[in-house]
């Protein structure tokens, strides 16, 4: 699925941002609801799942009998601490198939579970991670004052579309303006928070709703206690809320307003500069994960299901909420091969600064230099 205006660089509040009244956006509600309702059928991420490959659903129980997609390189002996999140993208495929371990048999690779972008920022701050999956908003926040971490983005795991959506409880609520005076929950500093703030700003509702900071598990509890009226959130909480609510907006809508969001992989400059061979092989493994998601989705869904503890059928339904750019797309001008990605980071930073999510903007060169596409360019040749 091609994302809507995926790389518009303009901050949502700018006069250059695509102008579109959000009151018209709920016409998409039915199509979003159909996909989310389909995903909701039987989906509970706590399930053990029925995995037809013969593997158990426990992430650590797969022996790794899949070959490296390129010639393995035993000369790579780097030690890498990799953060991952329970998001259905190529990172989970690479982890499940143990592609990194197959491609770099002498490297010391450890996978560390992260629950949110906030956790990733803290881990980078304490220097306990080398690379990690992280949302675009937390990545930009980490690179901006007061944190000012020297991070580089090395891969786009996915462009977020309907996988992050605004779910409302009242069946009479059809559009964002109907939430005036209501309470909306979202994990602060997340890509979902950025999308929500974009939508509220565009509709002129920033001061007319109460936005509160809750983690995803706390959102579900607050929803069940009728303490919130809506939430902008992702899986598995998204599906759980849809069981008694309905979506009215998604991050695809926010992208159309000039505020695209991504799940990225970022790394510390020191690690990337010291381990170019590791980064080259890591990039090739990630490219294989993205290829499987788009060209062999059934096979990729099995890996996703193993990692999330659900059935392959349930995992397959989740994939429609994202766009997975191929290696060639990522090397193109829209992303790492041009200014598009850097401009998107600058736009995100400007918006976060307007919303006082960061203390100040970093020097423009920080956002320009965040995309680190050397390995992508080499792999795409």
Protein backbone atom coordinates (compact mmCIF):
# COMPACT_ATOMS: atom_id res chain seq x y z
CA UNK A 1 0.00 0.00 0.00
CA UNK A 2 1.47 3.37 -0.99
CA UNK A 3 1.44 5.89 1.86
CA UNK A 4 -0.33 9.21 1.35
CA UNK A 5 2.29 11.97 0.84
CA UNK A 6 4.74 9.98 2.96
CA UNK A 7 7.52 12.54 3.04
CA UNK A 8 5.87 15.96 3.22
CA UNK A 9 8.45 18.02 5.10
CA UNK A 10 6.20 20.83 6.27
CA UNK A 11 5.09 21.04 9.91
CA UNK A 12 1.34 20.49 10.21
CA UNK A 13 0.75 24.02 11.45
CA UNK A 14 2.58 25.62 8.54
CA UNK A 15 0.70 27.41 5.81
CA UNK A 16 2.31 25.02 3.36
CA UNK A 17 0.85 21.94 5.00
CA UNK A 18 -1.84 20.17 2.96
CA UNK A 19 -5.06 21.81 4.09
CA UNK A 20 -7.90 19.40 4.65
CA UNK A 21 -10.71 19.66 7.13
CA UNK A 22 -10.72 16.75 9.53
CA UNK A 23 -14.49 16.95 9.66
CA UNK A 24 -14.43 15.28 6.26
CA UNK A 25 -12.06 12.49 7.24
CA UNK A 26 -14.59 10.23 9.00
CA UNK A 27 -15.82 9.13 5.56
CA UNK A 28 -12.86 6.72 5.85
CA UNK A 29 -14.23 5.30 9.07
CA UNK A 30 -15.97 2.37 7.42
CA UNK A 31 -12.88 1.16 5.53
CA UNK A 32 -10.66 1.52 8.60
CA UNK A 33 -13.26 -0.16 10.78
CA UNK A 34 -13.56 -3.12 8.46
CA UNK A 35 -9.84 -3.78 8.63
CA UNK A 36 -9.61 -3.26 12.36
CA UNK A 37 -12.72 -5.30 13.08
CA UNK A 38 -11.31 -8.13 11.01
CA UNK A 39 -8.13 -7.97 13.03
CA UNK A 40 -10.17 -7.95 16.19
CA UNK A 41 -11.71 -11.34 15.58
CA UNK A 42 -10.10 -13.61 18.12
CA UNK A 43 -6.99 -11.47 18.54
CA UNK A 44 -5.48 -11.47 21.99
CA UNK A 45 -1.73 -11.09 22.11
CA UNK A 46 -1.58 -13.08 25.31
CA UNK A 47 -2.64 -16.19 23.43
CA UNK A 48 -0.10 -18.88 22.85
CA UNK A 49 -1.17 -19.16 19.20
CA UNK A 50 -1.25 -22.07 16.82
CA UNK A 51 1.89 -21.97 14.71
CA UNK A 52 1.87 -24.39 11.81
CA UNK A 53 5.63 -24.26 11.24
CA UNK A 54 6.29 -26.60 14.15
CA UNK A 55 7.84 -23.84 16.22
CA UNK A 56 6.46 -22.94 19.59
CA UNK A 57 5.19 -19.44 20.18
CA UNK A 58 7.99 -18.59 22.58
CA UNK A 59 10.43 -16.21 20.83
CA UNK A 60 13.52 -18.00 22.11
CA UNK A 61 12.57 -21.52 21.10
CA UNK A 62 13.41 -21.36 17.39
CA UNK A 63 16.72 -23.02 16.54
CA UNK A 64 17.32 -20.89 13.42
CA UNK A 65 17.44 -23.18 10.38
CA UNK A 66 16.95 -20.44 7.76
CA UNK A 67 19.94 -19.61 5.59
CA UNK A 68 21.43 -16.15 5.33
CA UNK A 69 20.17 -14.47 2.11
CA UNK A 70 23.78 -13.62 1.18
CA UNK A 71 27.15 -15.22 1.83
CA UNK A 72 27.69 -15.30 5.62
CA UNK A 73 30.63 -13.33 6.95
CA UNK A 74 32.36 -15.03 9.92
CA UNK A 75 34.94 -12.24 10.07
CA UNK A 76 32.37 -9.95 11.72
CA UNK A 77 32.86 -10.27 15.48
CA UNK A 78 31.02 -7.18 16.71
CA UNK A 79 29.02 -7.17 19.95
CA UNK A 80 25.60 -5.63 19.32
CA UNK A 81 22.77 -4.93 21.76
CA UNK A 82 19.61 -4.61 19.69
CA UNK A 83 16.35 -3.20 21.02
CA UNK A 84 13.11 -4.56 19.59
CA UNK A 85 9.41 -3.86 20.07
CA UNK A 86 6.31 -5.97 19.54
CA UNK A 87 5.39 -4.27 16.27
CA UNK A 88 4.61 -6.35 13.16
CA UNK A 89 7.42 -5.42 10.82
CA UNK A 90 10.63 -6.81 9.37
CA UNK A 91 12.51 -6.51 12.64
CA UNK A 92 10.42 -9.37 14.06
CA UNK A 93 10.99 -11.46 10.94
CA UNK A 94 14.76 -10.99 11.18
CA UNK A 95 14.68 -11.79 14.88
CA UNK A 96 12.52 -14.89 14.49
CA UNK A 97 14.46 -16.37 11.58
CA UNK A 98 17.74 -15.48 13.31
CA UNK A 99 19.03 -13.97 10.08
CA UNK A 100 21.64 -11.87 11.85
CA UNK A 101 22.99 -14.91 13.65
CA UNK A 102 23.08 -16.88 10.37
CA UNK A 103 24.77 -14.06 8.45
CA UNK A 104 27.29 -13.17 11.17
CA UNK A 105 27.94 -16.44 13.03
CA UNK A 106 30.84 -15.04 15.07
CA UNK A 107 29.11 -11.83 16.17
CA UNK A 108 27.76 -11.49 19.71
CA UNK A 109 24.15 -10.39 19.23
CA UNK A 110 21.65 -9.84 22.03
CA UNK A 111 18.02 -8.77 21.62
CA UNK A 112 16.49 -6.53 24.30
CA UNK A 113 12.71 -6.10 24.57
CA UNK A 114 11.56 -2.45 24.62
CA UNK A 115 7.96 -1.54 25.46
CA UNK A 116 7.87 1.98 24.01
CA UNK A 117 9.84 4.73 22.36
CA UNK A 118 10.28 6.30 25.78
CA UNK A 119 12.04 3.14 26.97
CA UNK A 120 14.30 3.27 23.94
CA UNK A 121 15.24 6.89 24.60
CA UNK A 122 16.15 6.03 28.19
CA UNK A 123 18.20 3.02 27.07
CA UNK A 124 20.15 5.11 24.57
CA UNK A 125 20.63 7.71 27.29
CA UNK A 126 22.14 5.11 29.62
CA UNK A 127 24.23 3.65 26.76
CA UNK A 128 22.66 0.23 27.22
CA UNK A 129 21.66 -0.17 23.53
CA UNK A 130 23.59 0.07 20.28
CA UNK A 131 20.70 0.04 17.80
CA UNK A 132 16.94 -0.17 18.28
CA UNK A 133 13.55 0.07 16.70
CA UNK A 134 12.04 3.44 17.64
CA UNK A 135 9.24 5.66 16.39
CA UNK A 136 10.10 8.77 14.39
CA UNK A 137 8.77 11.13 17.05
CA UNK A 138 10.82 9.60 19.92
CA UNK A 139 13.89 9.50 17.66
CA UNK A 140 13.62 13.20 16.88
CA UNK A 141 12.91 13.96 20.53
CA UNK A 142 16.04 12.07 21.56
CA UNK A 143 18.18 14.04 19.08
CA UNK A 144 16.75 17.38 20.29
CA UNK A 145 17.49 19.39 23.45
CA UNK A 146 17.68 18.67 26.29
CA UNK A 147 18.63 15.05 25.47
CA UNK A 148 20.67 15.83 22.33
CA UNK A 149 21.73 12.22 21.74
CA UNK A 150 23.95 11.58 18.73
CA UNK A 151 21.66 9.10 16.96
CA UNK A 152 21.56 8.08 13.32
CA UNK A 153 18.60 6.49 11.53
CA UNK A 154 19.67 3.46 9.50
CA UNK A 155 16.39 1.90 8.33
CA UNK A 156 12.67 2.54 7.92
CA UNK A 157 10.90 -0.52 9.30
CA UNK A 158 7.48 0.77 8.28
CA UNK A 159 5.43 3.81 7.44
CA UNK A 160 2.55 3.87 9.94
CA UNK A 161 -0.93 3.97 8.43
CA UNK A 162 -4.08 2.51 10.04
CA UNK A 163 -1.99 0.59 12.57
CA UNK A 164 -2.20 3.62 14.88
CA UNK A 165 -5.70 5.06 15.13
CA UNK A 166 -7.96 7.23 17.24
CA UNK A 167 -10.60 4.96 18.81
CA UNK A 168 -13.68 6.49 20.43
CA UNK A 169 -16.17 4.87 22.77
CA UNK A 170 -19.38 6.83 22.09
CA UNK A 171 -21.09 5.41 18.98
CA UNK A 172 -22.53 8.87 18.28
CA UNK A 173 -19.06 10.38 17.77
CA UNK A 174 -18.44 10.53 14.03
CA UNK A 175 -15.72 13.20 13.72
CA UNK A 176 -12.96 14.79 15.76
CA UNK A 177 -14.95 17.91 16.61
CA UNK A 178 -17.50 15.69 18.41
CA UNK A 179 -14.81 15.09 21.08
CA UNK A 180 -14.79 18.74 22.21
CA UNK A 181 -14.64 18.79 26.01
CA UNK A 182 -13.74 15.08 26.17
CA UNK A 183 -10.66 13.21 27.43
CA UNK A 184 -8.26 11.52 25.00
CA UNK A 185 -5.43 9.27 26.15
CA UNK A 186 -2.16 8.68 24.31
CA UNK A 187 1.39 7.69 25.29
CA UNK A 188 3.24 11.03 25.32
CA UNK A 189 6.28 11.32 23.09
CA UNK A 190 5.11 8.52 20.79
CA UNK A 191 4.30 8.63 17.09
CA UNK A 192 0.63 8.31 18.08
CA UNK A 193 0.98 11.46 20.22
CA UNK A 194 2.44 13.34 17.26
CA UNK A 195 -0.43 12.21 15.03
CA UNK A 196 -3.04 13.19 17.62
CA UNK A 197 -1.52 16.64 18.16
CA UNK A 198 -1.42 17.16 14.41
CA UNK A 199 -5.11 16.33 14.07
CA UNK A 200 -6.14 18.54 16.99
CA UNK A 201 -4.06 21.46 15.72
CA UNK A 202 -5.49 21.18 12.21
CA UNK A 203 -9.04 21.20 13.57
CA UNK A 204 -8.38 24.00 16.05
CA UNK A 205 -9.19 21.79 19.04
CA UNK A 206 -5.88 21.87 20.88
CA UNK A 207 -7.35 23.75 23.85
CA UNK A 208 -10.79 22.16 23.68
CA UNK A 209 -10.00 18.58 24.65
CA UNK A 210 -8.13 17.05 27.58
CA UNK A 211 -5.14 15.01 26.42
CA UNK A 212 -3.62 12.76 29.08
CA UNK A 213 -0.46 10.66 29.12
CA UNK A 214 -1.07 6.94 29.64
CA UNK A 215 0.91 3.84 28.71
CA UNK A 216 -0.90 1.36 26.49
CA UNK A 217 -1.83 -1.03 29.30
CA UNK A 218 -3.07 1.88 31.39
CA UNK A 219 -5.15 3.08 28.44
CA UNK A 220 -7.01 -0.23 28.35
CA UNK A 221 -7.68 -0.09 32.09
CA UNK A 222 -8.88 3.52 31.91
CA UNK A 223 -11.12 2.64 28.96
CA UNK A 224 -12.72 -0.22 30.85
CA UNK A 225 -13.36 2.08 33.83
CA UNK A 226 -14.94 4.74 31.56
CA UNK A 227 -12.27 7.26 32.60
CA UNK A 228 -11.43 8.25 29.02
CA UNK A 229 -13.55 8.94 25.95
CA UNK A 230 -10.99 8.10 23.27
CA UNK A 231 -7.41 6.98 22.71
CA UNK A 232 -4.89 7.14 19.87
CA UNK A 233 -3.02 3.87 20.20
CA UNK A 234 -1.52 0.83 18.49
CA UNK A 235 -1.74 -2.98 18.77
CA UNK A 236 -2.59 -4.92 20.82
CA UNK A 237 -4.50 -2.23 22.71
CA UNK A 238 -5.97 -0.93 19.45
CA UNK A 239 -7.82 -4.14 18.75
CA UNK A 240 -8.97 -4.44 22.34
CA UNK A 241 -10.51 -0.97 22.22
CA UNK A 242 -12.20 -1.64 18.88
CA UNK A 243 -14.21 -4.40 20.56
CA UNK A 244 -16.27 -1.70 22.30
CA UNK A 245 -15.39 1.38 20.23
CA UNK A 246 -14.73 2.51 16.69
CA UNK A 247 -11.97 4.38 14.78
CA UNK A 248 -12.50 7.85 13.36
CA UNK A 249 -8.94 8.76 12.31
CA UNK A 250 -5.62 7.05 11.68
CA UNK A 251 -1.99 8.00 11.24
CA UNK A 252 -2.53 7.72 7.50
CA UNK A 253 -4.83 10.73 7.81
CA UNK A 254 -2.15 12.63 9.73
CA UNK A 255 0.36 11.80 6.99
CA UNK A 256 -2.03 13.40 4.51
CA UNK A 257 -1.87 16.56 6.62
CA UNK A 258 1.91 16.71 6.34
CA UNK A 259 2.82 14.71 9.44
CA UNK A 260 4.00 11.23 8.42
CA UNK A 261 5.15 8.85 11.15
CA UNK A 262 7.47 5.88 10.93
CA UNK A 263 8.90 3.01 12.90
CA UNK A 264 12.63 3.41 12.36
CA UNK A 265 15.82 1.73 13.44
CA UNK A 266 18.34 4.10 14.96
CA UNK A 267 21.84 3.54 16.30
CA UNK A 268 24.47 5.47 18.16
CA UNK A 269 27.01 7.18 15.93
CA UNK A 270 29.90 5.60 17.80
CA UNK A 271 28.65 2.03 17.24
CA UNK A 272 27.81 2.57 13.57
CA UNK A 273 31.12 4.22 12.76
CA UNK A 274 33.08 1.49 14.55
CA UNK A 275 31.18 -1.41 12.95
CA UNK A 276 30.61 -0.71 9.22
CA UNK A 277 30.77 -4.40 8.27
CA UNK A 278 28.14 -5.27 10.86
CA UNK A 279 25.90 -2.48 9.57
CA UNK A 280 26.30 -3.68 5.99
CA UNK A 281 25.23 -7.23 6.85
CA UNK A 282 22.49 -6.02 9.21
CA UNK A 283 21.05 -3.93 6.35
CA UNK A 284 20.99 -6.91 4.00
CA UNK A 285 19.16 -8.97 6.64
CA UNK A 286 16.61 -6.19 7.19
CA UNK A 287 16.09 -5.93 3.43
CA UNK A 288 15.25 -9.64 3.39
CA UNK A 289 12.76 -9.14 6.22
CA UNK A 290 11.01 -6.36 4.31
CA UNK A 291 11.03 -8.44 1.13
CA UNK A 292 9.33 -11.33 2.89
CA UNK A 293 6.64 -9.00 4.27
CA UNK A 294 5.70 -7.75 0.80
CA UNK A 295 6.51 -10.72 -1.47
CA UNK A 296 5.86 -13.67 0.87
CA UNK A 297 3.46 -12.26 3.48
CA UNK A 298 2.20 -15.69 4.55
CA UNK A 299 5.72 -16.78 5.45
CA UNK A 300 6.41 -13.46 7.19
CA UNK A 301 3.14 -13.77 9.11
CA UNK A 302 4.35 -17.03 10.64
CA UNK A 303 7.42 -15.26 12.02
CA UNK A 304 5.29 -12.37 13.28
CA UNK A 305 2.92 -14.83 14.95
CA UNK A 306 5.76 -16.64 16.69
CA UNK A 307 7.12 -13.40 18.10
CA UNK A 308 3.76 -11.99 19.18
CA UNK A 309 2.21 -15.24 20.39
CA UNK A 310 -0.78 -15.18 18.03
CA UNK A 311 -1.87 -17.24 15.04
CA UNK A 312 -0.44 -16.61 11.55
CA UNK A 313 -3.94 -15.62 10.41
CA UNK A 314 -4.15 -12.97 13.10
CA UNK A 315 -0.64 -11.77 12.32
CA UNK A 316 -1.47 -11.48 8.62
CA UNK A 317 -4.37 -9.16 9.38
CA UNK A 318 -2.08 -6.77 11.22
CA UNK A 319 0.20 -6.21 8.24
CA UNK A 320 -2.34 -4.09 6.35
CA UNK A 321 -1.90 -1.22 8.80
CA UNK A 322 1.62 -0.44 7.58
CA UNK A 323 3.59 0.23 4.41
CA UNK A 324 6.95 -1.58 4.30
CA UNK A 325 9.42 0.27 2.02
CA UNK A 326 11.72 -1.99 0.06
CA UNK A 327 15.50 -1.59 -0.01
CA UNK A 328 15.20 0.14 -3.39
CA UNK A 329 12.53 2.54 -2.10
CA UNK A 330 14.64 3.41 0.91
CA UNK A 331 17.64 4.17 -1.31
CA UNK A 332 15.49 6.52 -3.43
CA UNK A 333 15.16 10.30 -3.19
CA UNK A 334 12.00 10.09 -1.11
CA UNK A 335 13.89 8.56 1.79
CA UNK A 336 17.65 8.07 2.31
CA UNK A 337 18.71 8.96 -1.23
CA UNK A 338 17.49 12.56 -1.00
CA UNK A 339 16.36 15.20 1.44
CA UNK A 340 12.90 13.82 2.11
CA UNK A 341 13.66 11.92 5.30
CA UNK A 342 15.75 14.73 6.79
CA UNK A 343 13.01 17.25 6.02
CA UNK A 344 10.44 15.01 7.70
CA UNK A 345 12.61 14.94 10.84
CA UNK A 346 12.91 18.73 10.77
CA UNK A 347 9.14 19.05 10.41
CA UNK A 348 8.59 16.68 13.31
CA UNK A 349 11.04 18.65 15.47
CA UNK A 350 9.34 21.96 14.70
CA UNK A 351 5.99 20.55 15.67
CA UNK A 352 7.32 18.98 18.88
CA UNK A 353 8.88 22.31 19.79
CA UNK A 354 5.58 24.11 19.19
CA UNK A 355 3.90 21.61 21.49
CA UNK A 356 6.69 22.00 24.11
CA UNK A 357 7.62 18.34 23.79
CA UNK A 358 11.26 19.40 23.37
CA UNK A 359 13.04 22.35 24.97
CA UNK A 360 14.27 23.79 21.68
CA UNK A 361 15.19 22.88 18.15
CA UNK A 362 18.62 21.42 17.56
CA UNK A 363 20.86 22.93 14.93
CA UNK A 364 19.44 22.19 11.49
CA UNK A 365 22.43 20.03 10.67
CA UNK A 366 21.38 17.56 13.38
CA UNK A 367 18.18 16.63 11.54
CA UNK A 368 19.90 16.78 8.15
CA UNK A 369 22.50 14.28 9.31
CA UNK A 370 20.18 11.90 11.19
CA UNK A 371 19.57 9.72 8.08
CA UNK A 372 22.62 7.46 7.75
CA UNK A 373 22.14 5.69 4.45
CA UNK A 374 25.65 4.53 3.55
CA UNK A 375 24.87 0.83 4.03
CA UNK A 376 21.50 1.14 2.26
CA UNK A 377 23.13 2.80 -0.73
CA UNK A 378 25.78 0.07 -0.90
CA UNK A 379 23.27 -2.78 -0.51
CA UNK A 380 20.97 -1.36 -3.20
CA UNK A 381 23.71 -1.36 -5.89
